[in-house]
């Protein structure tokens, strides 16, 4: 199945792209998606403990099972001002 991934802020710089389409197996979890991304861009792993993930406009945990055509956002911690 296809999943659309968007990167934000510093993670976009590390990934070298603002977004990408990935083909993943059915029932892939966010944790597995992150491992795929880390294998492509090892520098992202340095942010593993603080990365936030959203599906659409809702934050999701690493155990979230990706749905067909999900819009996944990968972002660093949110800081207020």
PDB file of N, CA and C in Angstrom:
ATOM      1  N   UNK A   1       0.851  -1.173   0.000  1.00  0.00           N
ATOM      2  CA  UNK A   1       0.000   0.000   0.000  1.00  0.00           C
ATOM      3  C   UNK A   1       0.892   1.230   0.000  1.00  0.00           C
ATOM      4  N   UNK A   2       0.354   2.336  -0.466  1.00  0.00           N
ATOM      5  CA  UNK A   2       1.102   3.587  -0.537  1.00  0.00           C
ATOM      6  C   UNK A   2       0.800   4.466   0.663  1.00  0.00           C
ATOM      7  N   UNK A   3       1.852   5.111   1.169  1.00  0.00           N
ATOM      8  CA  UNK A   3       1.738   6.056   2.269  1.00  0.00           C
ATOM      9  C   UNK A   3       2.504   7.314   1.873  1.00  0.00           C
ATOM     10  N   UNK A   4       1.889   8.452   2.101  1.00  0.00           N
ATOM     11  CA  UNK A   4       2.529   9.737   1.810  1.00  0.00           C
ATOM     12  C   UNK A   4       3.173  10.241   3.105  1.00  0.00           C
ATOM     13  N   UNK A   5       4.484  10.551   3.059  1.00  0.00           N
ATOM     14  CA  UNK A   5       5.221  11.002   4.236  1.00  0.00           C
ATOM     15  C   UNK A   5       5.722  12.422   3.991  1.00  0.00           C
ATOM     16  N   UNK A   6       5.467  13.304   4.957  1.00  0.00           N
ATOM     17  CA  UNK A   6       5.959  14.673   4.913  1.00  0.00           C
ATOM     18  C   UNK A   6       6.926  14.878   6.071  1.00  0.00           C
ATOM     19  N   UNK A   7       8.004  15.608   5.796  1.00  0.00           N
ATOM     20  CA  UNK A   7       9.002  15.930   6.817  1.00  0.00           C
ATOM     21  C   UNK A   7       8.938  17.424   7.104  1.00  0.00           C
ATOM     22  N   UNK A   8       9.165  17.784   8.366  1.00  0.00           N
ATOM     23  CA  UNK A   8       9.089  19.184   8.760  1.00  0.00           C
ATOM     24  C   UNK A   8      10.355  19.619   9.475  1.00  0.00           C
ATOM     25  N   UNK A   9      10.643  20.914   9.344  1.00  0.00           N
ATOM     26  CA  UNK A   9      11.713  21.589  10.051  1.00  0.00           C
ATOM     27  C   UNK A   9      13.060  20.913   9.790  1.00  0.00           C
ATOM     28  N   UNK A  10      13.827  20.687  10.823  1.00  0.00           N
ATOM     29  CA  UNK A  10      15.174  20.108  10.710  1.00  0.00           C
ATOM     30  C   UNK A  10      15.137  18.712  10.078  1.00  0.00           C
ATOM     31  N   UNK A  11      14.087  17.967  10.300  1.00  0.00           N
ATOM     32  CA  UNK A  11      13.997  16.617   9.737  1.00  0.00           C
ATOM     33  C   UNK A  11      13.882  16.669   8.215  1.00  0.00           C
ATOM     34  N   UNK A  12      13.272  17.722   7.697  1.00  0.00           N
ATOM     35  CA  UNK A  12      13.198  17.907   6.250  1.00  0.00           C
ATOM     36  C   UNK A  12      14.606  18.111   5.692  1.00  0.00           C
ATOM     37  N   UNK A  13      15.414  18.909   6.392  1.00  0.00           N
ATOM     38  CA  UNK A  13      16.800  19.126   5.964  1.00  0.00           C
ATOM     39  C   UNK A  13      17.580  17.814   5.958  1.00  0.00           C
ATOM     40  N   UNK A  14      17.410  17.017   7.002  1.00  0.00           N
ATOM     41  CA  UNK A  14      18.131  15.741   7.098  1.00  0.00           C
ATOM     42  C   UNK A  14      17.684  14.748   6.027  1.00  0.00           C
ATOM     43  N   UNK A  15      16.382  14.713   5.760  1.00  0.00           N
ATOM     44  CA  UNK A  15      15.851  13.781   4.770  1.00  0.00           C
ATOM     45  C   UNK A  15      16.198  14.215   3.348  1.00  0.00           C
ATOM     46  N   UNK A  16      16.434  15.508   3.164  1.00  0.00           N
ATOM     47  CA  UNK A  16      16.771  16.020   1.845  1.00  0.00           C
ATOM     48  C   UNK A  16      15.568  16.199   0.930  1.00  0.00           C
ATOM     49  N   UNK A  17      14.383  15.939   1.452  1.00  0.00           N
ATOM     50  CA  UNK A  17      13.137  16.122   0.707  1.00  0.00           C
ATOM     51  C   UNK A  17      12.067  16.595   1.692  1.00  0.00           C
ATOM     52  N   UNK A  18      11.040  17.246   1.168  1.00  0.00           N
ATOM     53  CA  UNK A  18       9.949  17.670   2.043  1.00  0.00           C
ATOM     54  C   UNK A  18       8.883  16.596   2.157  1.00  0.00           C
ATOM     55  N   UNK A  19       8.810  15.716   1.136  1.00  0.00           N
ATOM     56  CA  UNK A  19       7.817  14.649   1.174  1.00  0.00           C
ATOM     57  C   UNK A  19       8.223  13.519   0.242  1.00  0.00           C
ATOM     58  N   UNK A  20       7.607  12.356   0.467  1.00  0.00           N
ATOM     59  CA  UNK A  20       7.855  11.198  -0.389  1.00  0.00           C
ATOM     60  C   UNK A  20       6.690  10.225  -0.290  1.00  0.00           C
ATOM     61  N   UNK A  21       6.553   9.408  -1.292  1.00  0.00           N
ATOM     62  CA  UNK A  21       5.578   8.313  -1.295  1.00  0.00           C
ATOM     63  C   UNK A  21       6.341   7.025  -1.023  1.00  0.00           C
ATOM     64  N   UNK A  22       5.834   6.216  -0.124  1.00  0.00           N
ATOM     65  CA  UNK A  22       6.455   4.927   0.175  1.00  0.00           C
ATOM     66  C   UNK A  22       5.444   3.813  -0.016  1.00  0.00           C
ATOM     67  N   UNK A  23       5.916   2.724  -0.536  1.00  0.00           N
ATOM     68  CA  UNK A  23       5.093   1.524  -0.631  1.00  0.00           C
ATOM     69  C   UNK A  23       5.493   0.637   0.546  1.00  0.00           C
ATOM     70  N   UNK A  24       4.522   0.313   1.392  1.00  0.00           N
ATOM     71  CA  UNK A  24       4.774  -0.514   2.575  1.00  0.00           C
ATOM     72  C   UNK A  24       3.765  -1.653   2.609  1.00  0.00           C
ATOM     73  N   UNK A  25       4.097  -2.742   3.290  1.00  0.00           N
ATOM     74  CA  UNK A  25       3.138  -3.845   3.405  1.00  0.00           C
ATOM     75  C   UNK A  25       1.903  -3.438   4.218  1.00  0.00           C
ATOM     76  N   UNK A  26       0.805  -4.116   3.988  1.00  0.00           N
ATOM     77  CA  UNK A  26      -0.400  -3.916   4.800  1.00  0.00           C
ATOM     78  C   UNK A  26      -0.043  -4.151   6.270  1.00  0.00           C
ATOM     79  N   UNK A  27      -0.719  -3.466   7.157  1.00  0.00           N
ATOM     80  CA  UNK A  27      -0.566  -3.607   8.611  1.00  0.00           C
ATOM     81  C   UNK A  27       0.805  -3.164   9.119  1.00  0.00           C
ATOM     82  N   UNK A  28       1.484  -2.281   8.383  1.00  0.00           N
ATOM     83  CA  UNK A  28       2.748  -1.724   8.857  1.00  0.00           C
ATOM     84  C   UNK A  28       2.466  -0.733   9.973  1.00  0.00           C
ATOM     85  N   UNK A  29       3.252  -0.809  11.036  1.00  0.00           N
ATOM     86  CA  UNK A  29       3.122   0.131  12.151  1.00  0.00           C
ATOM     87  C   UNK A  29       4.052   1.316  11.941  1.00  0.00           C
ATOM     88  N   UNK A  30       3.776   2.419  12.635  1.00  0.00           N
ATOM     89  CA  UNK A  30       4.614   3.610  12.557  1.00  0.00           C
ATOM     90  C   UNK A  30       6.056   3.258  12.910  1.00  0.00           C
ATOM     91  N   UNK A  31       6.278   2.444  13.921  1.00  0.00           N
ATOM     92  CA  UNK A  31       7.643   2.065  14.308  1.00  0.00           C
ATOM     93  C   UNK A  31       8.378   1.408  13.138  1.00  0.00           C
ATOM     94  N   UNK A  32       7.681   0.588  12.373  1.00  0.00           N
ATOM     95  CA  UNK A  32       8.288  -0.068  11.215  1.00  0.00           C
ATOM     96  C   UNK A  32       8.555   0.942  10.098  1.00  0.00           C
ATOM     97  N   UNK A  33       7.651   1.888   9.915  1.00  0.00           N
ATOM     98  CA  UNK A  33       7.852   2.936   8.927  1.00  0.00           C
ATOM     99  C   UNK A  33       9.095   3.749   9.282  1.00  0.00           C
ATOM    100  N   UNK A  34       9.244   4.089  10.553  1.00  0.00           N
ATOM    101  CA  UNK A  34      10.426   4.843  10.979  1.00  0.00           C
ATOM    102  C   UNK A  34      11.706   4.068  10.682  1.00  0.00           C
ATOM    103  N   UNK A  35      11.698   2.769  10.895  1.00  0.00           N
ATOM    104  CA  UNK A  35      12.889   1.961  10.591  1.00  0.00           C
ATOM    105  C   UNK A  35      13.216   2.003   9.102  1.00  0.00           C
ATOM    106  N   UNK A  36      12.194   1.999   8.265  1.00  0.00           N
ATOM    107  CA  UNK A  36      12.410   2.122   6.817  1.00  0.00           C
ATOM    108  C   UNK A  36      13.054   3.474   6.510  1.00  0.00           C
ATOM    109  N   UNK A  37      12.533   4.519   7.134  1.00  0.00           N
ATOM    110  CA  UNK A  37      13.084   5.854   6.909  1.00  0.00           C
ATOM    111  C   UNK A  37      14.512   5.959   7.423  1.00  0.00           C
ATOM    112  N   UNK A  38      14.800   5.356   8.576  1.00  0.00           N
ATOM    113  CA  UNK A  38      16.152   5.394   9.135  1.00  0.00           C
ATOM    114  C   UNK A  38      17.140   4.644   8.242  1.00  0.00           C
ATOM    115  N   UNK A  39      16.679   3.578   7.615  1.00  0.00           N
ATOM    116  CA  UNK A  39      17.583   2.833   6.728  1.00  0.00           C
ATOM    117  C   UNK A  39      17.929   3.663   5.492  1.00  0.00           C
ATOM    118  N   UNK A  40      17.014   4.512   5.058  1.00  0.00           N
ATOM    119  CA  UNK A  40      17.256   5.379   3.899  1.00  0.00           C
ATOM    120  C   UNK A  40      18.061   6.616   4.270  1.00  0.00           C
ATOM    121  N   UNK A  41      17.801   7.129   5.476  1.00  0.00           N
ATOM    122  CA  UNK A  41      18.447   8.356   5.945  1.00  0.00           C
ATOM    123  C   UNK A  41      18.881   8.152   7.396  1.00  0.00           C
ATOM    124  N   UNK A  42      20.048   7.566   7.608  1.00  0.00           N
ATOM    125  CA  UNK A  42      20.492   7.237   8.970  1.00  0.00           C
ATOM    126  C   UNK A  42      20.531   8.426   9.934  1.00  0.00           C
ATOM    127  N   UNK A  43      20.746   9.628   9.444  1.00  0.00           N
ATOM    128  CA  UNK A  43      20.815  10.800  10.327  1.00  0.00           C
ATOM    129  C   UNK A  43      19.496  11.043  11.062  1.00  0.00           C
ATOM    130  N   UNK A  44      18.384  10.576  10.507  1.00  0.00           N
ATOM    131  CA  UNK A  44      17.093  10.740  11.189  1.00  0.00           C
ATOM    132  C   UNK A  44      17.034   9.967  12.502  1.00  0.00           C
ATOM    133  N   UNK A  45      17.775   8.864  12.583  1.00  0.00           N
ATOM    134  CA  UNK A  45      17.756   8.027  13.790  1.00  0.00           C
ATOM    135  C   UNK A  45      18.207   8.809  15.025  1.00  0.00           C
ATOM    136  N   UNK A  46      19.082   9.795  14.831  1.00  0.00           N
ATOM    137  CA  UNK A  46      19.549  10.605  15.959  1.00  0.00           C
ATOM    138  C   UNK A  46      18.395  11.333  16.647  1.00  0.00           C
ATOM    139  N   UNK A  47      17.291  11.516  15.945  1.00  0.00           N
ATOM    140  CA  UNK A  47      16.127  12.223  16.476  1.00  0.00           C
ATOM    141  C   UNK A  47      15.050  11.253  16.978  1.00  0.00           C
ATOM    142  N   UNK A  48      15.332   9.965  16.962  1.00  0.00           N
ATOM    143  CA  UNK A  48      14.312   8.949  17.242  1.00  0.00           C
ATOM    144  C   UNK A  48      13.528   9.185  18.533  1.00  0.00           C
ATOM    145  N   UNK A  49      14.186   9.525  19.593  1.00  0.00           N
ATOM    146  CA  UNK A  49      13.499   9.663  20.886  1.00  0.00           C
ATOM    147  C   UNK A  49      12.557  10.871  20.940  1.00  0.00           C
ATOM    148  N   UNK A  50      12.746  11.829  20.040  1.00  0.00           N
ATOM    149  CA  UNK A  50      11.918  13.037  20.114  1.00  0.00           C
ATOM    150  C   UNK A  50      11.001  13.247  18.912  1.00  0.00           C
ATOM    151  N   UNK A  51      11.081  12.386  17.904  1.00  0.00           N
ATOM    152  CA  UNK A  51      10.244  12.547  16.719  1.00  0.00           C
ATOM    153  C   UNK A  51       8.762  12.411  17.075  1.00  0.00           C
ATOM    154  N   UNK A  52       7.967  13.321  16.527  1.00  0.00           N
ATOM    155  CA  UNK A  52       6.515  13.245  16.644  1.00  0.00           C
ATOM    156  C   UNK A  52       5.963  12.787  15.301  1.00  0.00           C
ATOM    157  N   UNK A  53       4.917  11.957  15.338  1.00  0.00           N
ATOM    158  CA  UNK A  53       4.311  11.432  14.114  1.00  0.00           C
ATOM    159  C   UNK A  53       2.819  11.716  14.161  1.00  0.00           C
ATOM    160  N   UNK A  54       2.292  12.170  13.028  1.00  0.00           N
ATOM    161  CA  UNK A  54       0.858  12.417  12.920  1.00  0.00           C
ATOM    162  C   UNK A  54       0.327  11.729  11.672  1.00  0.00           C
ATOM    163  N   UNK A  55      -0.908  11.286  11.777  1.00  0.00           N
ATOM    164  CA  UNK A  55      -1.643  10.780  10.623  1.00  0.00           C
ATOM    165  C   UNK A  55      -2.769  11.776  10.396  1.00  0.00           C
ATOM    166  N   UNK A  56      -2.719  12.458   9.254  1.00  0.00           N
ATOM    167  CA  UNK A  56      -3.665  13.549   9.053  1.00  0.00           C
ATOM    168  C   UNK A  56      -3.355  14.657  10.046  1.00  0.00           C
ATOM    169  N   UNK A  57      -4.321  15.018  10.876  1.00  0.00           N
ATOM    170  CA  UNK A  57      -4.119  16.075  11.870  1.00  0.00           C
ATOM    171  C   UNK A  57      -4.040  15.537  13.302  1.00  0.00           C
ATOM    172  N   UNK A  58      -3.970  14.221  13.447  1.00  0.00           N
ATOM    173  CA  UNK A  58      -3.927  13.590  14.774  1.00  0.00           C
ATOM    174  C   UNK A  58      -2.555  12.987  15.043  1.00  0.00           C
ATOM    175  N   UNK A  59      -1.984  13.307  16.205  1.00  0.00           N
ATOM    176  CA  UNK A  59      -0.747  12.645  16.595  1.00  0.00           C
ATOM    177  C   UNK A  59      -1.048  11.173  16.847  1.00  0.00           C
ATOM    178  N   UNK A  60      -0.109  10.313  16.451  1.00  0.00           N
ATOM    179  CA  UNK A  60      -0.281   8.869  16.632  1.00  0.00           C
ATOM    180  C   UNK A  60       0.959   8.292  17.295  1.00  0.00           C
ATOM    181  N   UNK A  61       0.778   7.169  17.964  1.00  0.00           N
ATOM    182  CA  UNK A  61       1.880   6.470  18.604  1.00  0.00           C
ATOM    183  C   UNK A  61       2.595   5.551  17.628  1.00  0.00           C
ATOM    184  N   UNK A  62       3.661   4.993  18.081  1.00  0.00           N
ATOM    185  CA  UNK A  62       4.458   4.110  17.227  1.00  0.00           C
ATOM    186  C   UNK A  62       3.779   2.775  16.963  1.00  0.00           C
ATOM    187  N   UNK A  63       2.743   2.478  17.719  1.00  0.00           N
ATOM    188  CA  UNK A  63       2.002   1.238  17.489  1.00  0.00           C
ATOM    189  C   UNK A  63       0.818   1.439  16.536  1.00  0.00           C
ATOM    190  N   UNK A  64       0.625   2.662  16.042  1.00  0.00           N
ATOM    191  CA  UNK A  64      -0.449   2.956  15.091  1.00  0.00           C
ATOM    192  C   UNK A  64      -0.220   2.156  13.808  1.00  0.00           C
ATOM    193  N   UNK A  65      -1.253   1.491  13.329  1.00  0.00           N
ATOM    194  CA  UNK A  65      -1.170   0.718  12.093  1.00  0.00           C
ATOM    195  C   UNK A  65      -1.555   1.627  10.932  1.00  0.00           C
ATOM    196  N   UNK A  66      -0.630   1.765   9.993  1.00  0.00           N
ATOM    197  CA  UNK A  66      -0.858   2.636   8.847  1.00  0.00           C
ATOM    198  C   UNK A  66      -2.029   2.150   8.009  1.00  0.00           C
ATOM    199  N   UNK A  67      -2.784   3.115   7.503  1.00  0.00           N
ATOM    200  CA  UNK A  67      -3.934   2.841   6.654  1.00  0.00           C
ATOM    201  C   UNK A  67      -3.591   3.233   5.222  1.00  0.00           C
ATOM    202  N   UNK A  68      -4.238   2.593   4.296  1.00  0.00           N
ATOM    203  CA  UNK A  68      -4.028   2.897   2.873  1.00  0.00           C
ATOM    204  C   UNK A  68      -4.209   4.401   2.628  1.00  0.00           C
ATOM    205  N   UNK A  69      -3.251   4.973   1.912  1.00  0.00           N
ATOM    206  CA  UNK A  69      -3.271   6.396   1.532  1.00  0.00           C
ATOM    207  C   UNK A  69      -3.168   7.358   2.720  1.00  0.00           C
ATOM    208  N   UNK A  70      -2.621   6.898   3.847  1.00  0.00           N
ATOM    209  CA  UNK A  70      -2.394   7.792   4.991  1.00  0.00           C
ATOM    210  C   UNK A  70      -1.473   8.935   4.592  1.00  0.00           C
ATOM    211  N   UNK A  71      -1.703  10.085   5.213  1.00  0.00           N
ATOM    212  CA  UNK A  71      -0.830  11.253   5.098  1.00  0.00           C
ATOM    213  C   UNK A  71      -0.078  11.335   6.428  1.00  0.00           C
ATOM    214  N   UNK A  72       1.177  10.918   6.432  1.00  0.00           N
ATOM    215  CA  UNK A  72       1.961  10.850   7.660  1.00  0.00           C
ATOM    216  C   UNK A  72       2.912  12.042   7.733  1.00  0.00           C
ATOM    217  N   UNK A  73       2.927  12.712   8.872  1.00  0.00           N
ATOM    218  CA  UNK A  73       3.834  13.838   9.112  1.00  0.00           C
ATOM    219  C   UNK A  73       4.870  13.410  10.138  1.00  0.00           C
ATOM    220  N   UNK A  74       6.130  13.689   9.815  1.00  0.00           N
ATOM    221  CA  UNK A  74       7.249  13.379  10.701  1.00  0.00           C
ATOM    222  C   UNK A  74       7.853  14.726  11.099  1.00  0.00           C
ATOM    223  N   UNK A  75       7.847  15.008  12.404  1.00  0.00           N
ATOM    224  CA  UNK A  75       8.308  16.329  12.843  1.00  0.00           C
ATOM    225  C   UNK A  75       9.096  16.260  14.139  1.00  0.00           C
ATOM    226  N   UNK A  76       9.943  17.267  14.352  1.00  0.00           N
ATOM    227  CA  UNK A  76      10.676  17.345  15.620  1.00  0.00           C
ATOM    228  C   UNK A  76       9.730  17.829  16.711  1.00  0.00           C
ATOM    229  N   UNK A  77      10.195  17.844  17.953  1.00  0.00           N
ATOM    230  CA  UNK A  77       9.342  18.325  19.048  1.00  0.00           C
ATOM    231  C   UNK A  77       8.834  19.734  18.768  1.00  0.00           C
ATOM    232  N   UNK A  78       7.611  19.989  19.169  1.00  0.00           N
ATOM    233  CA  UNK A  78       7.000  21.296  18.980  1.00  0.00           C
ATOM    234  C   UNK A  78       7.474  22.204  20.111  1.00  0.00           C
ATOM    235  N   UNK A  79       7.887  23.411  19.738  1.00  0.00           N
ATOM    236  CA  UNK A  79       8.323  24.373  20.749  1.00  0.00           C
ATOM    237  C   UNK A  79       7.450  25.603  20.650  1.00  0.00           C
ATOM    238  N   UNK A  80       7.035  26.074  21.799  1.00  0.00           N
ATOM    239  CA  UNK A  80       6.192  27.269  21.833  1.00  0.00           C
ATOM    240  C   UNK A  80       7.015  28.527  21.944  1.00  0.00           C
ATOM    241  N   UNK A  81       6.351  29.629  21.818  1.00  0.00           N
ATOM    242  CA  UNK A  81       7.069  30.900  21.914  1.00  0.00           C
ATOM    243  C   UNK A  81       6.224  31.946  22.555  1.00  0.00           C
TER     244      UNK A  81
END
